[in-house]
Protein backbone atom coordinates (compact mmCIF):
# COMPACT_ATOMS: atom_id res chain seq x y z
CA UNK A 1 0.00 0.00 0.00
CA UNK A 2 1.34 3.41 -0.94
CA UNK A 3 0.74 6.33 1.39
CA UNK A 4 -0.78 9.41 -0.18
CA UNK A 5 0.30 12.79 1.15
CA UNK A 6 -2.26 15.56 1.15
CA UNK A 7 -1.86 19.15 2.21
CA UNK A 8 -4.73 20.67 4.16
CA UNK A 9 -5.22 23.99 5.85
CA UNK A 10 -6.30 24.15 9.49
CA UNK A 11 -9.88 24.78 8.40
CA UNK A 12 -9.83 21.83 5.99
CA UNK A 13 -8.37 19.58 8.70
CA UNK A 14 -11.14 20.59 11.10
CA UNK A 15 -13.75 20.02 8.39
CA UNK A 16 -12.29 16.57 7.70
CA UNK A 17 -12.43 15.71 11.41
CA UNK A 18 -16.03 16.92 11.65
CA UNK A 19 -17.05 14.91 8.57
CA UNK A 20 -15.32 11.84 9.94
CA UNK A 21 -17.13 12.18 13.28
CA UNK A 22 -20.43 12.64 11.45
CA UNK A 23 -19.80 9.62 9.22
CA UNK A 24 -18.86 7.48 12.22
CA UNK A 25 -22.00 8.52 14.07
CA UNK A 26 -24.18 7.83 11.02
CA UNK A 27 -22.54 4.45 10.45
CA UNK A 28 -22.90 3.50 14.09
CA UNK A 29 -26.56 4.55 14.00
CA UNK A 30 -27.29 2.59 10.82
CA UNK A 31 -25.66 -0.59 12.08
CA UNK A 32 -27.38 -0.38 15.46
CA UNK A 33 -30.72 0.47 13.86
CA UNK A 34 -30.45 -2.48 11.48
CA UNK A 35 -29.43 -4.75 14.34
CA UNK A 36 -32.23 -3.59 16.62
CA UNK A 37 -34.79 -3.63 13.81
CA UNK A 38 -33.94 -7.16 12.72
CA UNK A 39 -33.81 -8.45 16.28
CA UNK A 40 -37.16 -6.77 16.96
CA UNK A 41 -38.82 -8.33 13.93
CA UNK A 42 -37.34 -11.80 14.25
CA UNK A 43 -37.01 -11.91 18.03
CA UNK A 44 -38.36 -14.86 19.94
CA UNK A 45 -41.46 -15.26 17.76
CA UNK A 46 -39.50 -16.63 14.81
CA UNK A 47 -37.97 -20.05 14.97
CA UNK A 48 -36.09 -22.23 12.59
CA UNK A 49 -32.77 -22.32 10.79
CA UNK A 50 -33.42 -19.25 8.63
CA UNK A 51 -34.27 -17.05 11.60
CA UNK A 52 -31.23 -18.31 13.50
CA UNK A 53 -28.99 -17.78 10.47
CA UNK A 54 -30.30 -14.25 10.08
CA UNK A 55 -29.68 -13.47 13.73
CA UNK A 56 -26.19 -14.94 13.40
CA UNK A 57 -25.41 -12.74 10.40
CA UNK A 58 -26.82 -9.75 12.22
CA UNK A 59 -24.49 -10.49 15.14
CA UNK A 60 -21.57 -10.84 12.71
CA UNK A 61 -22.32 -7.39 11.29
CA UNK A 62 -22.31 -5.86 14.78
CA UNK A 63 -19.09 -7.67 15.64
CA UNK A 64 -17.46 -6.47 12.40
CA UNK A 65 -18.52 -2.89 13.13
CA UNK A 66 -17.33 -2.99 16.73
CA UNK A 67 -14.04 -4.82 16.10
CA UNK A 68 -12.99 -3.54 12.68
CA UNK A 69 -14.77 -0.50 11.32
CA UNK A 70 -15.29 1.59 14.47
CA UNK A 71 -11.63 1.23 15.59
CA UNK A 72 -10.45 2.45 12.16
CA UNK A 73 -12.65 5.53 12.43
CA UNK A 74 -11.44 6.11 15.99
CA UNK A 75 -7.78 5.89 14.89
CA UNK A 76 -8.42 8.31 12.04
CA UNK A 77 -10.01 10.79 14.41
CA UNK A 78 -7.08 10.54 16.84
CA UNK A 79 -4.61 11.02 13.97
CA UNK A 80 -6.48 14.10 12.73
CA UNK A 81 -6.58 15.55 16.25
CA UNK A 82 -2.82 15.01 16.48
CA UNK A 83 -2.33 16.70 13.13
CA UNK A 84 -4.42 19.66 14.28
CA UNK A 85 -2.28 19.94 17.40
CA UNK A 86 0.92 19.87 15.34
CA UNK A 87 -0.44 22.50 12.96
CA UNK A 88 -1.38 24.79 15.84
CA UNK A 89 2.06 24.35 17.41
CA UNK A 90 3.75 25.18 14.10
CA UNK A 91 1.57 28.27 13.64
CA UNK A 92 2.40 29.42 17.19
CA UNK A 93 6.10 28.84 16.56
CA UNK A 94 5.91 30.85 13.33
CA UNK A 95 4.26 33.75 15.14
CA UNK A 96 6.89 33.61 17.89
CA UNK A 97 9.73 33.57 15.36
CA UNK A 98 8.18 36.46 13.47
CA UNK A 99 7.80 38.45 16.67
CA UNK A 100 11.46 37.80 17.48
CA UNK A 101 12.62 39.72 14.42
CA UNK A 102 9.71 42.11 13.93
CA UNK A 103 9.77 45.56 15.51
CA UNK A 104 5.97 45.37 15.77
CA UNK A 105 6.29 42.18 17.77
CA UNK A 106 8.84 43.63 20.17
CA UNK A 107 11.76 41.93 18.46
CA UNK A 108 15.35 42.20 19.57
CA UNK A 109 16.93 45.59 19.16
CA UNK A 110 19.32 44.55 16.41
CA UNK A 111 16.58 42.96 14.35
CA UNK A 112 14.20 45.85 14.96
CA UNK A 113 16.90 48.33 13.87
CA UNK A 114 17.44 46.46 10.59
CA UNK A 115 13.78 46.36 9.67
C-alpha atoms as a PDB file:
ATOM      1  CA  UNK A   1       0.000   0.000   0.000  1.00  0.00           C
ATOM      2  CA  UNK A   2       1.342   3.412  -0.938  1.00  0.00           C
ATOM      3  CA  UNK A   3       0.737   6.329   1.386  1.00  0.00           C
ATOM      4  CA  UNK A   4      -0.778   9.406  -0.177  1.00  0.00           C
ATOM      5  CA  UNK A   5       0.297  12.790   1.150  1.00  0.00           C
ATOM      6  CA  UNK A   6      -2.261  15.564   1.148  1.00  0.00           C
ATOM      7  CA  UNK A   7      -1.865  19.153   2.212  1.00  0.00           C
ATOM      8  CA  UNK A   8      -4.726  20.671   4.155  1.00  0.00           C
ATOM      9  CA  UNK A   9      -5.224  23.994   5.848  1.00  0.00           C
ATOM     10  CA  UNK A  10      -6.296  24.150   9.487  1.00  0.00           C
ATOM     11  CA  UNK A  11      -9.884  24.783   8.402  1.00  0.00           C
ATOM     12  CA  UNK A  12      -9.825  21.831   5.995  1.00  0.00           C
ATOM     13  CA  UNK A  13      -8.374  19.577   8.696  1.00  0.00           C
ATOM     14  CA  UNK A  14     -11.138  20.593  11.103  1.00  0.00           C
ATOM     15  CA  UNK A  15     -13.748  20.022   8.389  1.00  0.00           C
ATOM     16  CA  UNK A  16     -12.288  16.570   7.699  1.00  0.00           C
ATOM     17  CA  UNK A  17     -12.431  15.710  11.410  1.00  0.00           C
ATOM     18  CA  UNK A  18     -16.034  16.916  11.648  1.00  0.00           C
ATOM     19  CA  UNK A  19     -17.045  14.911   8.567  1.00  0.00           C
ATOM     20  CA  UNK A  20     -15.323  11.836   9.943  1.00  0.00           C
ATOM     21  CA  UNK A  21     -17.133  12.184  13.276  1.00  0.00           C
ATOM     22  CA  UNK A  22     -20.432  12.636  11.451  1.00  0.00           C
ATOM     23  CA  UNK A  23     -19.795   9.618   9.225  1.00  0.00           C
ATOM     24  CA  UNK A  24     -18.856   7.475  12.225  1.00  0.00           C
ATOM     25  CA  UNK A  25     -22.003   8.522  14.074  1.00  0.00           C
ATOM     26  CA  UNK A  26     -24.180   7.827  11.023  1.00  0.00           C
ATOM     27  CA  UNK A  27     -22.536   4.448  10.452  1.00  0.00           C
ATOM     28  CA  UNK A  28     -22.898   3.496  14.089  1.00  0.00           C
ATOM     29  CA  UNK A  29     -26.555   4.555  13.998  1.00  0.00           C
ATOM     30  CA  UNK A  30     -27.293   2.593  10.824  1.00  0.00           C
ATOM     31  CA  UNK A  31     -25.663  -0.585  12.076  1.00  0.00           C
ATOM     32  CA  UNK A  32     -27.383  -0.382  15.456  1.00  0.00           C
ATOM     33  CA  UNK A  33     -30.716   0.470  13.864  1.00  0.00           C
ATOM     34  CA  UNK A  34     -30.449  -2.479  11.481  1.00  0.00           C
ATOM     35  CA  UNK A  35     -29.428  -4.745  14.339  1.00  0.00           C
ATOM     36  CA  UNK A  36     -32.230  -3.585  16.617  1.00  0.00           C
ATOM     37  CA  UNK A  37     -34.789  -3.635  13.809  1.00  0.00           C
ATOM     38  CA  UNK A  38     -33.941  -7.156  12.715  1.00  0.00           C
ATOM     39  CA  UNK A  39     -33.811  -8.452  16.280  1.00  0.00           C
ATOM     40  CA  UNK A  40     -37.156  -6.769  16.958  1.00  0.00           C
ATOM     41  CA  UNK A  41     -38.816  -8.327  13.934  1.00  0.00           C
ATOM     42  CA  UNK A  42     -37.336 -11.796  14.253  1.00  0.00           C
ATOM     43  CA  UNK A  43     -37.010 -11.909  18.030  1.00  0.00           C
ATOM     44  CA  UNK A  44     -38.362 -14.863  19.941  1.00  0.00           C
ATOM     45  CA  UNK A  45     -41.459 -15.261  17.765  1.00  0.00           C
ATOM     46  CA  UNK A  46     -39.502 -16.635  14.806  1.00  0.00           C
ATOM     47  CA  UNK A  47     -37.968 -20.055  14.967  1.00  0.00           C
ATOM     48  CA  UNK A  48     -36.088 -22.235  12.591  1.00  0.00           C
ATOM     49  CA  UNK A  49     -32.772 -22.324  10.791  1.00  0.00           C
ATOM     50  CA  UNK A  50     -33.421 -19.252   8.628  1.00  0.00           C
ATOM     51  CA  UNK A  51     -34.269 -17.053  11.601  1.00  0.00           C
ATOM     52  CA  UNK A  52     -31.228 -18.310  13.503  1.00  0.00           C
ATOM     53  CA  UNK A  53     -28.989 -17.780  10.471  1.00  0.00           C
ATOM     54  CA  UNK A  54     -30.296 -14.246  10.078  1.00  0.00           C
ATOM     55  CA  UNK A  55     -29.683 -13.467  13.729  1.00  0.00           C
ATOM     56  CA  UNK A  56     -26.195 -14.944  13.403  1.00  0.00           C
ATOM     57  CA  UNK A  57     -25.406 -12.743  10.396  1.00  0.00           C
ATOM     58  CA  UNK A  58     -26.818  -9.755  12.221  1.00  0.00           C
ATOM     59  CA  UNK A  59     -24.493 -10.485  15.145  1.00  0.00           C
ATOM     60  CA  UNK A  60     -21.573 -10.841  12.706  1.00  0.00           C
ATOM     61  CA  UNK A  61     -22.320  -7.390  11.295  1.00  0.00           C
ATOM     62  CA  UNK A  62     -22.311  -5.861  14.775  1.00  0.00           C
ATOM     63  CA  UNK A  63     -19.089  -7.666  15.637  1.00  0.00           C
ATOM     64  CA  UNK A  64     -17.455  -6.471  12.397  1.00  0.00           C
ATOM     65  CA  UNK A  65     -18.525  -2.894  13.127  1.00  0.00           C
ATOM     66  CA  UNK A  66     -17.327  -2.990  16.732  1.00  0.00           C
ATOM     67  CA  UNK A  67     -14.039  -4.822  16.102  1.00  0.00           C
ATOM     68  CA  UNK A  68     -12.988  -3.544  12.680  1.00  0.00           C
ATOM     69  CA  UNK A  69     -14.769  -0.496  11.322  1.00  0.00           C
ATOM     70  CA  UNK A  70     -15.286   1.592  14.470  1.00  0.00           C
ATOM     71  CA  UNK A  71     -11.626   1.235  15.586  1.00  0.00           C
ATOM     72  CA  UNK A  72     -10.453   2.446  12.163  1.00  0.00           C
ATOM     73  CA  UNK A  73     -12.647   5.529  12.426  1.00  0.00           C
ATOM     74  CA  UNK A  74     -11.437   6.113  15.990  1.00  0.00           C
ATOM     75  CA  UNK A  75      -7.780   5.887  14.888  1.00  0.00           C
ATOM     76  CA  UNK A  76      -8.415   8.309  12.040  1.00  0.00           C
ATOM     77  CA  UNK A  77     -10.013  10.791  14.410  1.00  0.00           C
ATOM     78  CA  UNK A  78      -7.081  10.542  16.841  1.00  0.00           C
ATOM     79  CA  UNK A  79      -4.615  11.025  13.971  1.00  0.00           C
ATOM     80  CA  UNK A  80      -6.477  14.095  12.732  1.00  0.00           C
ATOM     81  CA  UNK A  81      -6.582  15.553  16.248  1.00  0.00           C
ATOM     82  CA  UNK A  82      -2.815  15.010  16.484  1.00  0.00           C
ATOM     83  CA  UNK A  83      -2.332  16.703  13.130  1.00  0.00           C
ATOM     84  CA  UNK A  84      -4.420  19.661  14.279  1.00  0.00           C
ATOM     85  CA  UNK A  85      -2.275  19.936  17.404  1.00  0.00           C
ATOM     86  CA  UNK A  86       0.917  19.866  15.338  1.00  0.00           C
ATOM     87  CA  UNK A  87      -0.437  22.496  12.961  1.00  0.00           C
ATOM     88  CA  UNK A  88      -1.384  24.794  15.844  1.00  0.00           C
ATOM     89  CA  UNK A  89       2.059  24.351  17.414  1.00  0.00           C
ATOM     90  CA  UNK A  90       3.751  25.183  14.098  1.00  0.00           C
ATOM     91  CA  UNK A  91       1.572  28.266  13.642  1.00  0.00           C
ATOM     92  CA  UNK A  92       2.403  29.420  17.185  1.00  0.00           C
ATOM     93  CA  UNK A  93       6.097  28.838  16.557  1.00  0.00           C
ATOM     94  CA  UNK A  94       5.907  30.846  13.330  1.00  0.00           C
ATOM     95  CA  UNK A  95       4.261  33.751  15.142  1.00  0.00           C
ATOM     96  CA  UNK A  96       6.891  33.605  17.887  1.00  0.00           C
ATOM     97  CA  UNK A  97       9.733  33.567  15.358  1.00  0.00           C
ATOM     98  CA  UNK A  98       8.185  36.458  13.468  1.00  0.00           C
ATOM     99  CA  UNK A  99       7.803  38.451  16.669  1.00  0.00           C
ATOM    100  CA  UNK A 100      11.457  37.799  17.480  1.00  0.00           C
ATOM    101  CA  UNK A 101      12.624  39.719  14.424  1.00  0.00           C
ATOM    102  CA  UNK A 102       9.714  42.113  13.927  1.00  0.00           C
ATOM    103  CA  UNK A 103       9.769  45.562  15.514  1.00  0.00           C
ATOM    104  CA  UNK A 104       5.970  45.371  15.770  1.00  0.00           C
ATOM    105  CA  UNK A 105       6.288  42.178  17.766  1.00  0.00           C
ATOM    106  CA  UNK A 106       8.838  43.633  20.172  1.00  0.00           C
ATOM    107  CA  UNK A 107      11.756  41.933  18.458  1.00  0.00           C
ATOM    108  CA  UNK A 108      15.346  42.205  19.575  1.00  0.00           C
ATOM    109  CA  UNK A 109      16.926  45.593  19.159  1.00  0.00           C
ATOM    110  CA  UNK A 110      19.322  44.551  16.413  1.00  0.00           C
ATOM    111  CA  UNK A 111      16.576  42.963  14.352  1.00  0.00           C
ATOM    112  CA  UNK A 112      14.203  45.854  14.956  1.00  0.00           C
ATOM    113  CA  UNK A 113      16.904  48.326  13.870  1.00  0.00           C
ATOM    114  CA  UNK A 114      17.443  46.458  10.590  1.00  0.00           C
ATOM    115  CA  UNK A 115      13.775  46.365   9.670  1.00  0.00           C
END
